[in-house]
Amino acid sequence: MNTPSKADRDQANRWLTESQGRLSLVRDVLNGYDRLSDRMESTDRENRHLRAENEQLRHRAKTLERECALLLEREHQLQAEVGRTQQAREEVADRLTSVGSELVALLRRTAATTTRTLVPDLRARNSGLGKLVDLIGVLQRVLQPTPGT
């Protein structure tokens, strides 16, 4: 039997010590790999989640763009309607002014041709024609186009 020499035992001890150090290094590398692998998996999950959220936001943005276009179209329709309404209001005011002027002229001609006893009655605020004249005056003022509209 061959007994190991002291040099052989020292060599074996060095190999064991070096092997333990290398095994520790391999264990650290494998643990680091596991951590990085877990982190990469977590990052992939987060990336998929963010992509899905991004797609939802794109869809929402397109929906909002369509709604905005519809609202702008509705605004233009309402502006056109306001313009038509303003024009109709001005036409009514002009026509009412014209009718009122014709009525006042008619009342004046009628008053001039009637006897003096009827004239005070026509101008009296209590008479039906006096109230009509007052009403026409009020309507003329209310329906007059206002400056800047």
Protein backbone atom coordinates (compact mmCIF):
# COMPACT_ATOMS: atom_id res chain seq x y z
CA MET A 1 0.00 0.00 0.00
CA ASN A 2 1.07 3.28 -0.88
CA THR A 3 0.55 5.91 1.79
CA PRO A 4 0.03 9.39 0.63
CA SER A 5 2.83 11.67 1.25
CA LYS A 6 2.54 14.98 3.01
CA ALA A 7 2.82 16.75 -0.33
CA ASP A 8 -0.06 14.67 -1.69
CA ARG A 9 -2.21 15.50 1.35
CA ASP A 10 -1.39 19.19 1.04
CA GLN A 11 -2.22 19.05 -2.62
CA ALA A 12 -5.55 17.34 -1.84
CA ASN A 13 -6.32 19.94 0.85
CA ARG A 14 -5.57 22.77 -1.60
CA TRP A 15 -7.87 21.16 -4.19
CA LEU A 16 -10.63 20.79 -1.63
CA THR A 17 -10.22 24.41 -0.49
CA GLU A 18 -10.13 25.65 -4.06
CA SER A 19 -13.13 23.45 -4.95
CA GLN A 20 -15.13 24.86 -2.06
CA GLY A 21 -14.32 28.40 -3.21
CA ARG A 22 -15.27 27.49 -6.78
CA LEU A 23 -18.46 25.78 -5.61
CA SER A 24 -19.33 28.89 -3.65
CA LEU A 25 -18.70 30.99 -6.75
CA VAL A 26 -20.85 28.64 -8.88
CA ARG A 27 -23.59 28.81 -6.21
CA ASP A 28 -23.43 32.66 -6.28
CA VAL A 29 -23.59 32.66 -10.09
CA LEU A 30 -26.60 30.30 -10.06
CA ASN A 31 -28.34 32.41 -7.39
CA GLY A 32 -27.66 35.54 -9.43
CA TYR A 33 -29.02 33.80 -12.52
CA ASP A 34 -32.20 32.87 -10.62
CA ARG A 35 -32.64 36.45 -9.40
CA LEU A 36 -32.10 37.84 -12.90
CA SER A 37 -34.44 35.26 -14.37
CA ASP A 38 -37.14 36.18 -11.83
CA ARG A 39 -36.58 39.88 -12.51
CA MET A 40 -36.78 39.28 -16.26
CA GLU A 41 -40.03 37.35 -15.86
CA SER A 42 -41.45 40.14 -13.70
CA THR A 43 -40.34 42.73 -16.25
CA ASP A 44 -41.98 40.73 -19.04
CA ARG A 45 -45.26 40.60 -17.09
CA GLU A 46 -45.10 44.34 -16.45
CA ASN A 47 -44.29 44.95 -20.12
CA ARG A 48 -47.34 42.91 -21.22
CA HIS A 49 -49.49 44.81 -18.73
CA LEU A 50 -48.20 48.17 -19.98
CA ARG A 51 -48.79 47.16 -23.60
CA ALA A 52 -52.39 46.21 -22.79
CA GLU A 53 -52.86 49.49 -20.92
CA ASN A 54 -51.31 51.39 -23.83
CA GLU A 55 -53.74 49.71 -26.23
CA GLN A 56 -56.67 50.69 -24.00
CA LEU A 57 -55.41 54.28 -23.93
CA ARG A 58 -55.09 54.30 -27.74
CA HIS A 59 -58.63 53.04 -28.04
CA ARG A 60 -59.85 55.66 -25.55
CA ALA A 61 -57.98 58.40 -27.44
CA LYS A 62 -59.63 57.36 -30.72
CA THR A 63 -63.03 57.34 -29.02
CA LEU A 64 -62.39 60.81 -27.59
CA GLU A 65 -61.26 62.07 -31.00
CA ARG A 66 -64.52 60.83 -32.55
CA GLU A 67 -66.54 62.41 -29.72
CA CYS A 68 -64.62 65.67 -30.19
CA ALA A 69 -65.37 65.66 -33.92
CA LEU A 70 -69.06 65.08 -33.18
CA LEU A 71 -69.09 67.88 -30.64
CA LEU A 72 -67.40 70.26 -33.05
CA GLU A 73 -69.93 69.36 -35.71
CA ARG A 74 -72.75 69.95 -33.22
CA GLU A 75 -71.18 73.29 -32.24
CA HIS A 76 -71.16 74.36 -35.90
CA GLN A 77 -74.80 73.30 -36.24
CA LEU A 78 -75.75 75.29 -33.15
CA GLN A 79 -73.84 78.34 -34.35
CA ALA A 80 -75.69 78.15 -37.66
CA GLU A 81 -78.96 77.79 -35.77
CA VAL A 82 -78.12 80.81 -33.62
CA GLY A 83 -77.41 82.77 -36.80
CA ARG A 84 -80.73 81.72 -38.32
CA THR A 85 -82.54 82.52 -35.08
CA GLN A 86 -80.90 85.95 -34.89
CA GLN A 87 -81.84 86.63 -38.49
CA ALA A 88 -85.43 85.53 -37.84
CA ARG A 89 -85.52 87.71 -34.71
CA GLU A 90 -84.35 90.71 -36.72
CA GLU A 91 -86.92 90.00 -39.43
CA VAL A 92 -89.69 89.77 -36.81
CA ALA A 93 -88.49 92.99 -35.20
CA ASP A 94 -88.41 94.74 -38.58
CA ARG A 95 -91.85 93.47 -39.48
CA LEU A 96 -93.24 94.37 -36.05
CA THR A 97 -91.74 97.84 -36.36
CA SER A 98 -93.32 98.19 -39.76
CA VAL A 99 -96.71 96.94 -38.54
CA GLY A 100 -96.47 99.14 -35.46
CA SER A 101 -95.66 102.18 -37.58
CA GLU A 102 -98.54 101.39 -39.91
CA LEU A 103 -100.87 100.94 -36.93
CA VAL A 104 -99.75 104.21 -35.34
CA ALA A 105 -100.25 106.00 -38.68
CA LEU A 106 -103.68 104.41 -39.01
CA LEU A 107 -104.57 105.41 -35.46
CA ARG A 108 -103.44 108.97 -36.14
CA ARG A 109 -105.50 109.14 -39.33
CA THR A 110 -108.44 107.65 -37.51
CA ALA A 111 -108.02 110.06 -34.63
CA ALA A 112 -107.77 113.01 -37.02
CA THR A 113 -110.98 112.03 -38.79
CA THR A 114 -113.01 111.34 -35.64
CA THR A 115 -114.67 113.91 -33.53
CA ARG A 116 -112.77 115.64 -30.78
CA THR A 117 -114.58 113.61 -28.15
CA LEU A 118 -113.08 110.33 -29.37
CA VAL A 119 -109.46 111.55 -29.52
CA PRO A 120 -108.96 111.71 -25.74
CA ASP A 121 -110.51 108.24 -25.43
CA LEU A 122 -108.07 106.75 -28.02
CA ARG A 123 -105.08 108.19 -26.21
CA ALA A 124 -106.26 107.19 -22.78
CA ARG A 125 -104.25 104.36 -21.27
CA ASN A 126 -107.44 102.67 -20.15
CA SER A 127 -108.82 102.25 -23.67
CA GLY A 128 -108.27 99.05 -25.65
CA LEU A 129 -106.56 100.89 -28.52
CA GLY A 130 -104.31 102.78 -26.10
CA LYS A 131 -103.23 99.50 -24.54
CA LEU A 132 -102.59 98.06 -28.02
CA VAL A 133 -100.41 101.03 -28.92
CA ASP A 134 -98.48 100.64 -25.64
CA LEU A 135 -98.05 96.90 -26.28
CA ILE A 136 -96.73 97.53 -29.77
CA GLY A 137 -94.24 100.05 -28.39
CA VAL A 138 -93.02 97.56 -25.79
CA LEU A 139 -92.69 94.80 -28.40
CA GLN A 140 -90.75 97.13 -30.67
CA ARG A 141 -88.25 97.89 -27.91
CA VAL A 142 -87.91 94.25 -26.83
CA LEU A 143 -87.49 92.85 -30.32
CA GLN A 144 -85.13 95.52 -31.62
CA PRO A 145 -81.82 93.95 -32.62
CA THR A 146 -79.25 94.67 -29.97
CA PRO A 147 -75.88 96.06 -31.12
CA GLY A 148 -73.24 93.34 -31.51
CA THR A 149 -75.69 90.44 -31.88
